[in-house]
């Protein structure tokens, strides 16, 4: 039986690409690549639908592979540059195809499948871009793109008679209507909403990531995980303050705490959990206390006592709620930065 490996995000396009090949008797194994900037499949609240429900319904296997350091390296220094924000789309695609080819060779599969649609994404899904990506990933002629294959040159599997050209489609552009119609034909009625999967396309997240790279050339994954949580404030080049926005984020902050971190809260009031990372000077602690109070239930009081904890050590500090000027001065936020520049 002809075998293929599919790059699978759990989204509509990649699911359809798999179903098209399965309909014609191709044995497909899907591989999903994980990184620290995508939709976290362990947290269903971050996804609109279960991204792998289709694999259960239609009976194909999904393997998981974490790109880890390899992906972080291309985010820092992508050979083909970033997109509008911090998204290294071309380098990302090359890396995933390289990794998928290794899996293809190990499993004795014949070719690769992607759900790419010609013209859907301006950086990585162009007719002139596909050949360059395939060549650099060392998969020239081995990538079948079922949704737009009729618009592309014949692949090796076609030339070898493993698949026929009339099995492929000629979808083009950003409209989702052809895919939605095909999904209805297959009985695929639940799938995640398009876009929003990669945090690197989000302007504010990307701005916080740039700030992190500017002040720490070799951040660890805890630093990166913190970027998803709370309001971020850059106090100095070696000190950052993060204020939780709700109970869930307070719990996430708590789960990432180290013994030498300073945690702040205001007992007796609805209070965010506030963490100070880096060099905790007395001025930094005072600023963190003011920010904690500003976003707490005590913000309208003349002053409040803020509990500061570090491991088993505790102290209190009287604070006033942070002013709008203080917030604007320290907030790491793209829109806020633009206002300052104006």
Protein backbone atom coordinates (compact mmCIF):
# COMPACT_ATOMS: atom_id res chain seq x y z
CA UNK A 1 0.00 0.00 0.00
CA UNK A 2 1.18 3.53 -0.78
CA UNK A 3 2.09 5.37 2.44
CA UNK A 4 2.36 9.08 3.18
CA UNK A 5 3.23 11.33 6.11
CA UNK A 6 1.06 14.42 6.58
CA UNK A 7 1.95 17.64 8.37
CA UNK A 8 -1.07 18.07 10.60
CA UNK A 9 -2.09 21.14 12.58
CA UNK A 10 -5.58 19.92 13.39
CA UNK A 11 -7.03 22.72 11.28
CA UNK A 12 -9.39 22.46 8.34
CA UNK A 13 -6.85 22.52 5.50
CA UNK A 14 -4.48 19.89 6.89
CA UNK A 15 -7.42 17.63 7.78
CA UNK A 16 -8.88 17.90 4.29
CA UNK A 17 -5.50 17.11 2.72
CA UNK A 18 -5.39 13.88 4.73
CA UNK A 19 -8.98 12.93 3.92
CA UNK A 20 -8.43 13.49 0.19
CA UNK A 21 -5.51 11.07 0.19
CA UNK A 22 -7.29 8.52 2.38
CA UNK A 23 -10.29 8.57 0.03
CA UNK A 24 -7.96 7.28 -2.70
CA UNK A 25 -6.50 4.48 -0.63
CA UNK A 26 -3.35 6.18 0.67
CA UNK A 27 -2.23 5.03 4.14
CA UNK A 28 -1.64 8.32 5.96
CA UNK A 29 0.16 8.93 9.25
CA UNK A 30 -0.15 12.50 10.53
CA UNK A 31 2.60 14.26 12.45
CA UNK A 32 1.97 17.33 14.57
CA UNK A 33 4.91 19.51 15.50
CA UNK A 34 4.76 21.28 18.84
CA UNK A 35 6.61 24.42 19.90
CA UNK A 36 6.32 26.99 22.65
CA UNK A 37 4.49 29.49 20.45
CA UNK A 38 1.55 27.52 19.07
CA UNK A 39 -1.85 26.38 20.25
CA UNK A 40 -1.22 24.32 23.38
CA UNK A 41 -3.00 21.02 22.76
CA UNK A 42 -2.85 20.18 26.47
CA UNK A 43 -5.04 23.22 27.19
CA UNK A 44 -8.31 22.86 25.29
CA UNK A 45 -9.40 26.32 26.49
CA UNK A 46 -6.79 27.79 24.14
CA UNK A 47 -8.36 26.08 21.10
CA UNK A 48 -11.83 26.56 19.72
CA UNK A 49 -12.25 22.80 19.15
CA UNK A 50 -10.42 19.59 19.94
CA UNK A 51 -7.82 19.73 17.14
CA UNK A 52 -7.56 15.95 16.89
CA UNK A 53 -11.23 15.00 16.91
CA UNK A 54 -11.03 14.34 13.15
CA UNK A 55 -8.32 11.72 13.63
CA UNK A 56 -10.66 9.74 15.87
CA UNK A 57 -13.67 10.17 13.60
CA UNK A 58 -11.89 9.28 10.35
CA UNK A 59 -9.38 6.80 11.73
CA UNK A 60 -5.90 8.12 11.07
CA UNK A 61 -2.94 8.08 13.46
CA UNK A 62 -1.38 11.29 14.84
CA UNK A 63 2.20 11.38 16.10
CA UNK A 64 3.52 14.30 18.17
CA UNK A 65 7.01 15.78 17.85
CA UNK A 66 8.40 18.77 19.75
CA UNK A 67 10.72 21.09 17.80
CA UNK A 68 12.09 22.65 21.01
CA UNK A 69 15.49 24.36 20.63
CA UNK A 70 15.49 24.01 16.84
CA UNK A 71 12.43 26.19 16.57
CA UNK A 72 13.64 28.74 19.11
CA UNK A 73 16.81 29.20 17.06
CA UNK A 74 14.92 30.09 13.90
CA UNK A 75 12.62 32.47 15.80
CA UNK A 76 15.72 34.36 16.95
CA UNK A 77 17.53 34.32 13.61
CA UNK A 78 15.40 33.20 10.67
CA UNK A 79 17.36 32.86 7.43
CA UNK A 80 14.37 34.09 5.43
CA UNK A 81 13.30 36.77 7.87
CA UNK A 82 10.24 37.37 9.99
CA UNK A 83 6.75 38.08 8.75
CA UNK A 84 4.75 41.07 9.91
CA UNK A 85 5.54 40.23 13.54
CA UNK A 86 7.91 37.56 14.90
CA UNK A 87 6.68 34.71 12.70
CA UNK A 88 9.50 33.00 10.72
CA UNK A 89 7.02 31.29 8.39
CA UNK A 90 9.40 30.17 5.62
CA UNK A 91 12.05 28.85 8.01
CA UNK A 92 9.35 27.19 10.08
CA UNK A 93 8.01 25.34 7.06
CA UNK A 94 11.50 24.22 6.03
CA UNK A 95 12.21 22.91 9.52
CA UNK A 96 8.94 20.97 9.71
CA UNK A 97 9.48 19.40 6.29
CA UNK A 98 13.01 18.36 7.24
CA UNK A 99 11.71 16.71 10.39
CA UNK A 100 8.82 15.10 8.51
CA UNK A 101 11.21 13.67 5.91
CA UNK A 102 13.14 11.91 8.67
CA UNK A 103 9.89 10.36 9.87
CA UNK A 104 8.99 9.48 6.28
CA UNK A 105 12.30 7.64 5.85
CA UNK A 106 11.98 5.82 9.18
CA UNK A 107 8.46 4.60 8.41
CA UNK A 108 9.19 3.72 4.79
CA UNK A 109 6.59 6.17 3.50
CA UNK A 110 6.52 7.33 -0.11
CA UNK A 111 5.83 11.07 0.13
CA UNK A 112 4.72 13.98 2.29
CA UNK A 113 1.38 15.80 2.43
CA UNK A 114 0.59 19.35 3.52
CA UNK A 115 -2.65 21.31 3.65
CA UNK A 116 -1.16 24.39 2.03
CA UNK A 117 -3.28 26.43 -0.35
CA UNK A 118 -1.65 28.54 -3.02
CA UNK A 119 -1.96 32.24 -2.19
CA UNK A 120 -3.49 31.72 1.24
CA UNK A 121 -0.51 33.06 3.20
CA UNK A 122 1.57 35.83 1.63
CA UNK A 123 4.93 34.82 3.08
CA UNK A 124 5.14 31.06 2.68
CA UNK A 125 2.34 29.90 0.35
CA UNK A 126 3.31 31.41 -2.98
CA UNK A 127 3.98 29.54 -6.21
CA UNK A 128 7.57 30.80 -6.31
CA UNK A 129 8.09 29.95 -2.64
CA UNK A 130 7.04 26.29 -2.63
CA UNK A 131 9.99 25.08 -4.77
CA UNK A 132 12.52 27.00 -2.67
CA UNK A 133 11.13 25.63 0.57
CA UNK A 134 11.09 22.05 -0.77
CA UNK A 135 14.62 22.36 -2.11
CA UNK A 136 16.05 23.70 1.15
CA UNK A 137 14.23 21.02 3.12
CA UNK A 138 15.65 18.35 0.77
CA UNK A 139 12.17 17.16 -0.20
CA UNK A 140 12.09 18.38 -3.79
CA UNK A 141 9.25 16.67 -5.63
CA UNK A 142 8.15 14.72 -2.55
CA UNK A 143 5.55 17.16 -1.16
CA UNK A 144 1.98 16.69 -2.34
CA UNK A 145 -0.35 19.62 -1.68
CA UNK A 146 -3.76 18.07 -2.40
CA UNK A 147 -5.78 21.27 -2.05
CA UNK A 148 -3.89 23.15 -4.76
CA UNK A 149 -1.88 20.41 -6.51
CA UNK A 150 -3.52 20.95 -9.90
CA UNK A 151 -2.00 24.44 -9.99
CA UNK A 152 1.52 23.17 -9.28
CA UNK A 153 4.04 21.12 -11.28
CA UNK A 154 3.67 17.32 -11.10
CA UNK A 155 5.32 15.71 -8.08
CA UNK A 156 7.40 12.53 -7.94
CA UNK A 157 4.45 10.48 -6.61
CA UNK A 158 2.43 11.59 -9.64
CA UNK A 159 5.23 10.79 -12.04
CA UNK A 160 5.61 7.35 -10.47
CA UNK A 161 1.90 6.62 -10.69
CA UNK A 162 1.33 6.52 -6.93
CA UNK A 163 -1.36 9.20 -7.19
CA UNK A 164 -3.33 10.67 -10.08
CA UNK A 165 -3.64 14.36 -10.87
CA UNK A 166 -7.42 14.18 -10.92
CA UNK A 167 -7.27 13.32 -7.20
CA UNK A 168 -6.03 16.86 -6.51
CA UNK A 169 -7.81 20.24 -6.29
CA UNK A 170 -7.12 23.73 -7.60
CA UNK A 171 -7.98 25.89 -4.56
CA UNK A 172 -6.37 29.30 -4.68
CA UNK A 173 -6.46 32.44 -2.51
CA UNK A 174 -7.69 33.29 0.95
CA UNK A 175 -11.36 32.33 0.65
CA UNK A 176 -12.37 29.43 2.87
CA UNK A 177 -15.58 28.63 0.99
CA UNK A 178 -14.13 25.84 -1.21
CA UNK A 179 -12.64 24.11 1.84
CA UNK A 180 -15.87 24.45 3.80
CA UNK A 181 -17.84 22.93 0.93
CA UNK A 182 -15.39 20.03 0.70
CA UNK A 183 -15.55 19.54 4.46
CA UNK A 184 -19.33 19.18 4.20
CA UNK A 185 -18.84 16.60 1.48
CA UNK A 186 -16.58 14.56 3.76
CA UNK A 187 -18.87 14.97 6.78
CA UNK A 188 -16.24 17.03 8.55
CA UNK A 189 -18.46 19.36 10.55
CA UNK A 190 -16.20 20.27 13.49
CA UNK A 191 -12.84 21.97 13.07
CA UNK A 192 -10.93 24.85 14.69
CA UNK A 193 -11.55 28.38 13.43
CA UNK A 194 -8.87 29.58 10.97
CA UNK A 195 -5.90 31.70 12.10
CA UNK A 196 -4.86 32.53 15.64
CA UNK A 197 -2.85 29.35 16.18
CA UNK A 198 0.65 30.80 16.22
CA UNK A 199 1.38 33.35 18.92
CA UNK A 200 4.22 34.74 16.81
CA UNK A 201 1.66 36.40 14.52
CA UNK A 202 0.13 38.32 17.45
CA UNK A 203 1.48 41.90 17.59
CA UNK A 204 1.46 42.28 21.38
CA UNK A 205 2.90 38.84 22.05
CA UNK A 206 5.61 39.49 19.46
CA UNK A 207 6.41 42.81 21.07
CA UNK A 208 6.89 41.12 24.45
CA UNK A 209 9.06 38.45 22.84
CA UNK A 210 11.26 41.09 21.19
CA UNK A 211 11.64 42.78 24.56
CA UNK A 212 12.71 39.45 26.10
CA UNK A 213 15.32 38.78 23.39
CA UNK A 214 16.64 42.34 23.68
CA UNK A 215 17.30 41.94 27.41
CA UNK A 216 18.16 38.23 27.53
CA UNK A 217 20.02 36.65 24.63
CA UNK A 218 19.49 33.15 25.99
CA UNK A 219 16.10 33.02 27.77
CA UNK A 220 14.89 29.74 29.21
CA UNK A 221 11.48 28.26 28.52
CA UNK A 222 10.10 29.55 31.79
CA UNK A 223 10.71 33.09 30.52
CA UNK A 224 8.92 32.22 27.30
CA UNK A 225 6.01 30.58 29.11
CA UNK A 226 5.56 33.76 31.16
CA UNK A 227 4.92 35.71 27.93
CA UNK A 228 1.48 34.10 27.67
CA UNK A 229 0.46 35.32 31.12
CA UNK A 230 -0.54 38.65 32.60
CA UNK A 231 0.43 42.28 32.14
CA UNK A 232 4.16 42.77 31.61
CA UNK A 233 6.21 45.72 32.84
CA UNK A 234 9.90 46.33 32.09
CA UNK A 235 11.36 48.04 35.15
CA UNK A 236 15.00 47.84 34.04
CA UNK A 237 17.22 45.86 31.68
CA UNK A 238 17.49 43.07 34.25
CA UNK A 239 14.11 43.32 35.99
CA UNK A 240 10.58 42.61 34.83
CA UNK A 241 7.25 42.67 36.68
CA UNK A 242 4.27 40.50 35.69
CA UNK A 243 0.78 41.08 37.09
CA UNK A 244 -1.89 38.37 36.80
CA UNK A 245 -5.19 39.35 35.20
CA UNK A 246 -7.49 36.73 36.73
CA UNK A 247 -7.61 33.66 38.97
CA UNK A 248 -6.44 31.35 36.19
CA UNK A 249 -3.39 33.50 35.46
CA UNK A 250 -2.62 33.77 39.18
CA UNK A 251 -2.51 29.98 39.26
CA UNK A 252 -0.30 29.84 36.17
CA UNK A 253 2.12 32.33 37.71
CA UNK A 254 2.19 30.30 40.92
CA UNK A 255 3.03 27.15 38.94
CA UNK A 256 6.11 28.83 37.41
CA UNK A 257 7.51 30.34 40.62
CA UNK A 258 11.08 29.61 41.74
CA UNK A 259 12.22 29.91 45.35
CA UNK A 260 14.18 33.09 44.65
CA UNK A 261 11.29 34.93 42.96
CA UNK A 262 9.43 37.72 44.73
CA UNK A 263 5.64 37.28 44.83
CA UNK A 264 3.28 40.10 45.82
CA UNK A 265 -0.41 40.11 46.75
CA UNK A 266 -2.79 42.18 48.88
CA UNK A 267 -4.52 39.99 51.49
CA UNK A 268 -8.18 40.72 52.18
CA UNK A 269 -8.83 42.19 48.74
CA UNK A 270 -9.32 40.73 45.32
CA UNK A 271 -5.68 40.78 44.32
CA UNK A 272 -3.60 39.79 41.33
CA UNK A 273 -0.56 37.65 41.96
CA UNK A 274 2.40 39.78 40.96
CA UNK A 275 5.86 38.38 40.32
CA UNK A 276 9.15 40.22 40.06
CA UNK A 277 11.75 38.54 37.87
CA UNK A 278 15.41 39.50 37.93
CA UNK A 279 17.20 42.11 40.01
CA UNK A 280 14.84 43.03 42.86
CA UNK A 281 15.99 46.42 44.09
CA UNK A 282 13.97 48.26 46.75
CA UNK A 283 12.68 50.62 44.06
CA UNK A 284 11.64 47.68 41.87
CA UNK A 285 9.74 46.11 44.77
CA UNK A 286 8.03 49.40 45.50
CA UNK A 287 6.97 49.71 41.85
CA UNK A 288 5.74 46.10 41.80
CA UNK A 289 3.70 46.76 44.96
CA UNK A 290 2.10 49.84 43.38
CA UNK A 291 1.25 47.89 40.23
CA UNK A 292 -0.19 45.05 42.29
CA UNK A 293 -2.42 47.52 44.16
CA UNK A 294 -3.48 49.27 40.95
CA UNK A 295 -5.04 46.08 39.59
CA UNK A 296 -6.48 44.89 42.92
CA UNK A 297 -9.73 45.52 44.76
CA UNK A 298 -7.80 47.98 46.97
CA UNK A 299 -6.96 50.35 44.11
CA UNK A 300 -9.28 53.14 45.37
CA UNK A 301 -7.83 53.14 48.87
CA UNK A 302 -5.27 55.83 49.84
CA UNK A 303 -2.77 53.04 50.54
CA UNK A 304 -2.65 49.32 51.29
CA UNK A 305 -0.29 46.77 52.78
CA UNK A 306 1.20 44.49 50.16
CA UNK A 307 2.46 41.08 51.25
CA UNK A 308 5.81 40.21 49.64
CA UNK A 309 6.95 36.58 49.74
CA UNK A 310 10.18 34.93 48.70
CA UNK A 311 10.34 31.25 49.51
CA UNK A 312 9.57 30.99 53.23
CA UNK A 313 10.35 34.67 53.88
CA UNK A 314 7.56 37.28 54.13
CA UNK A 315 7.38 41.02 54.66
CA UNK A 316 4.82 43.76 54.10
CA UNK A 317 5.18 47.04 52.27
CA UNK A 318 2.77 49.97 52.25
CA UNK A 319 1.96 51.10 48.74
CA UNK A 320 -0.12 53.55 46.72
CA UNK A 321 -1.86 52.45 43.53
CA UNK A 322 0.24 52.99 40.42
CA UNK A 323 -0.65 56.06 38.38
CA UNK A 324 -1.42 55.99 34.66
CA UNK A 325 1.97 57.65 34.13
CA UNK A 326 3.74 54.78 35.90
CA UNK A 327 1.80 52.22 33.88
CA UNK A 328 2.65 53.96 30.60
CA UNK A 329 6.29 54.24 31.58
CA UNK A 330 6.83 50.55 32.27
CA UNK A 331 4.15 48.62 30.34
CA UNK A 332 5.51 46.30 27.64
CA UNK A 333 2.79 46.67 25.05
CA UNK A 334 2.92 47.53 21.36
CA UNK A 335 0.00 49.98 21.39
CA UNK A 336 1.32 51.63 24.54
CA UNK A 337 4.71 52.05 22.91
CA UNK A 338 3.19 53.67 19.85
CA UNK A 339 1.38 56.20 22.04
CA UNK A 340 4.64 57.15 23.73
CA UNK A 341 6.37 57.65 20.39
CA UNK A 342 3.56 59.91 19.18
